[in-house]
Amino acid sequence: MRTLKGSGRCAFSPAGDLLALPAADGIQLWDTAKWQVMGTLRKPWSETKAIAFSADGRYMAAGGLGKDVIAVLDLATGETQELATGDWVMSAAFSADGSILAVGVTNYRVRLWRLPSCEVVLDRRNGRAAVCSLAFSRDGRILAVGEQAVTLLDMTTLTPLGHCGSYQDRGVQGLAFSPDGRLLASTCGAFVALEDPSRPRWQASSGPA
């Protein structure tokens, strides 16, 4: 067993060669073969709430409480961009092809950027609670957005398909699609719900705006 000093959320790169670990001075990137710190992403926020790697391992995104930005590190070049989020960051996720970064914030909004241009493609108020969890389906066609319920966004039209789940008291704390996309798991406290994302509880044509 190996013990490392850190706090908050952590994440492995898709290849498993890097571990992103929050520390006092920033997000440390550990080489998992040598267990040495290869670099540190300086963080302007206080508490890290979100760390995500793109599936191809090119980008790492991180953000948290105390600063209205998401930091995007290009692991190939070492360059970092800070993108304005409008409020504190609670969640982040990359699309399967790494071309879209989704970020959920405390003012109920989800914002999407296209990479590497960092063009904003969506800025949407999602509900009445902080967006604490996000997940893309593996085929990239659906983005699940978790707050008091799970909103399913069509990534082709950038419009809602419907809702899955409802956690009015505590909100959605975690989301994950099955590899084949046929199930969506959502968590809240000690509860886990498994639902078919192709059958949301209301369709966009009849659901709330």
Foldseek 3Di string as FASTA:
>chain_A
DDDDDADEDKDAQLVRQWIFGHDQQATFIAGPVVRDTPDGDGAPAGHKQEWEAANVRQWIWTFFHDAQWIWIAGPVVRDIDTDGRPAGWQYWYAANVRQKIWTWHFQQWIWIAGPPVRHTPDIDRHDHGTFNEWDAQNVRQWIWTKFQWTWIAGPVVRHTQATDDGRNPFIWNYWDADNVRQWIWTDDDPDIDIDGPVDHPDGRVPDDD
